[in-house]
Amino acid sequence: MAVFKTLEEAKDFFAKDHFAGDNGIRLLAMEEDSVLCSMELSEHTENAAGGVMGGAIFTLADFAFAVASNNIHRLTVALQSSVNFFSQPRGDKLFARAACEKDGRTTCVYRVDVTDAEGRAVAQVITTGYKLP
């Protein structure tokens, strides 16, 4: 059973996440067990070589995990994350789809797939979350 009754309720709750908002991350869609978020790419997200900073990609994935996991059990925090970077993104936007792989009593595991504007795989993040009492 989802915690947030509507997408707007989730957006209102996560509007307090100023770091994500200040970095152009938006919540686009939410289902009971997955979410879709996006991030606009700009010179602000570039690294010294002109590519997209790995931290920007991870921030998008971390936000998608936060929304998805807190929709199942508020409050959930990340215990551990691992990231695999596949390719440099093309286009001006990234998308992150977070889906629950395991929902246990006190922990959960989420897979977040990050793609670019062309639908190409950019990264995959696996995060273990802890459900706060």
Protein backbone atom coordinates (compact mmCIF):
# COMPACT_ATOMS: atom_id res chain seq x y z
CA MET A 1 0.00 0.00 0.00
CA ALA A 2 1.43 3.37 -1.03
CA VAL A 3 2.08 6.13 1.49
CA PHE A 4 1.43 8.99 -0.94
CA LYS A 5 -2.14 9.10 -2.20
CA THR A 6 -1.30 11.19 -5.28
CA LEU A 7 1.68 12.30 -7.34
CA GLU A 8 1.06 15.86 -6.15
CA GLU A 9 1.25 14.77 -2.50
CA ALA A 10 4.64 13.16 -3.16
CA LYS A 11 5.84 16.26 -5.03
CA ASP A 12 4.81 18.44 -2.08
CA PHE A 13 6.69 16.22 0.38
CA PHE A 14 9.87 16.13 -1.73
CA ALA A 15 9.76 19.87 -2.49
CA LYS A 16 11.68 20.10 0.80
CA ASP A 17 14.59 18.31 -0.89
CA HIS A 18 16.26 21.54 -2.00
CA PHE A 19 19.43 19.87 -3.29
CA ALA A 20 17.46 17.83 -5.80
CA GLY A 21 15.26 20.77 -6.78
CA ASP A 22 18.19 23.14 -7.11
CA ASN A 23 19.84 20.62 -9.44
CA GLY A 24 16.85 20.37 -11.78
CA ILE A 25 15.55 17.01 -10.61
CA ARG A 26 11.82 16.46 -11.07
CA LEU A 27 9.39 13.69 -10.13
CA LEU A 28 7.45 12.77 -13.28
CA ALA A 29 5.44 9.66 -12.46
CA MET A 30 4.77 7.38 -9.52
CA GLU A 31 3.26 3.94 -9.24
CA GLU A 32 2.90 1.84 -6.11
CA ASP A 33 6.27 0.12 -6.59
CA SER A 34 8.23 2.40 -8.95
CA VAL A 35 8.88 6.04 -9.84
CA LEU A 36 10.22 8.00 -12.79
CA CYS A 37 12.31 11.14 -12.27
CA SER A 38 14.24 13.42 -14.63
CA MET A 39 17.11 15.88 -14.52
CA GLU A 40 17.94 18.64 -16.99
CA LEU A 41 21.59 18.62 -18.05
CA SER A 42 23.49 21.89 -18.29
CA GLU A 43 26.96 23.29 -17.75
CA HIS A 44 26.15 23.01 -14.03
CA THR A 45 26.20 19.17 -14.32
CA GLU A 46 29.43 19.01 -16.37
CA ASN A 47 32.75 17.72 -15.11
CA ALA A 48 36.12 19.24 -16.05
CA ALA A 49 36.29 17.16 -19.26
CA GLY A 50 32.86 18.39 -20.44
CA GLY A 51 31.00 15.16 -19.65
CA VAL A 52 28.25 14.69 -17.09
CA MET A 53 29.58 14.49 -13.53
CA GLY A 54 29.10 11.04 -11.98
CA GLY A 55 27.79 12.73 -8.85
CA ALA A 56 25.01 14.36 -10.85
CA ILE A 57 23.96 10.98 -12.24
CA PHE A 58 24.07 9.44 -8.77
CA THR A 59 22.09 12.33 -7.25
CA LEU A 60 19.28 11.69 -9.73
CA ALA A 61 19.33 7.96 -8.92
CA ASP A 62 19.42 8.63 -5.16
CA PHE A 63 16.40 10.94 -5.41
CA ALA A 64 14.46 8.32 -7.40
CA PHE A 65 15.31 5.73 -4.71
CA ALA A 66 14.16 8.14 -1.98
CA VAL A 67 10.79 8.78 -3.60
CA ALA A 68 10.14 5.12 -4.41
CA SER A 69 11.19 3.73 -1.04
CA ASN A 70 9.40 6.40 0.97
CA ASN A 71 6.25 5.67 -0.99
CA ILE A 72 6.30 2.16 0.43
CA HIS A 73 7.47 3.03 3.94
CA ARG A 74 8.08 6.54 5.22
CA LEU A 75 10.85 7.15 6.42
CA THR A 76 13.45 5.06 4.59
CA VAL A 77 17.13 5.95 4.32
CA ALA A 78 19.93 4.53 2.20
CA LEU A 79 22.26 2.06 3.92
CA GLN A 80 24.43 1.22 0.91
CA SER A 81 24.52 2.04 -2.79
CA SER A 82 26.58 0.74 -5.67
CA VAL A 83 26.70 2.37 -9.08
CA ASN A 84 27.79 1.09 -12.47
CA PHE A 85 28.34 3.76 -15.11
CA PHE A 86 27.73 2.44 -18.64
CA SER A 87 28.10 5.36 -21.03
CA GLN A 88 28.24 9.13 -21.29
CA PRO A 89 24.71 10.47 -21.82
CA ARG A 90 23.52 12.11 -25.02
CA GLY A 91 20.98 14.91 -25.11
CA ASP A 92 19.96 17.40 -22.47
CA LYS A 93 18.01 15.24 -20.01
CA LEU A 94 18.44 12.12 -17.88
CA PHE A 95 15.72 9.82 -16.59
CA ALA A 96 15.82 7.51 -13.57
CA ARG A 97 13.33 4.70 -12.98
CA ALA A 98 13.47 3.20 -9.49
CA ALA A 99 11.81 -0.14 -8.80
CA CYS A 100 11.60 -2.24 -5.66
CA GLU A 101 13.44 -5.56 -5.92
CA LYS A 102 12.95 -6.68 -2.29
CA ASP A 103 10.70 -5.21 0.39
CA GLY A 104 11.58 -6.74 3.73
CA ARG A 105 10.46 -6.00 7.27
CA THR A 106 13.24 -3.51 8.07
CA THR A 107 15.22 -3.25 4.83
CA CYS A 108 14.54 -2.95 1.12
CA VAL A 109 16.52 -3.16 -2.11
CA TYR A 110 15.90 -0.92 -5.13
CA ARG A 111 17.27 -0.95 -8.65
CA VAL A 112 17.51 2.42 -10.37
CA ASP A 113 18.06 2.48 -14.12
CA VAL A 114 19.34 5.80 -15.50
CA THR A 115 18.86 6.50 -19.21
CA ASP A 116 19.51 9.48 -21.46
CA ALA A 117 17.19 11.40 -23.80
CA GLU A 118 17.77 8.76 -26.50
CA GLY A 119 16.78 5.91 -24.16
CA ARG A 120 20.37 4.61 -23.86
CA ALA A 121 21.50 3.06 -20.58
CA VAL A 122 23.76 5.49 -18.69
CA ALA A 123 24.02 3.87 -15.25
CA GLN A 124 22.45 1.39 -12.86
CA VAL A 125 22.35 1.93 -9.11
CA ILE A 126 21.45 -0.72 -6.54
CA THR A 127 20.54 0.70 -3.13
CA THR A 128 19.74 -1.04 0.12
CA GLY A 129 17.44 1.00 2.33
CA TYR A 130 16.63 0.89 6.03
CA LYS A 131 13.07 1.55 7.19
CA LEU A 132 13.18 3.84 10.21
CA PRO A 133 10.81 2.86 13.03
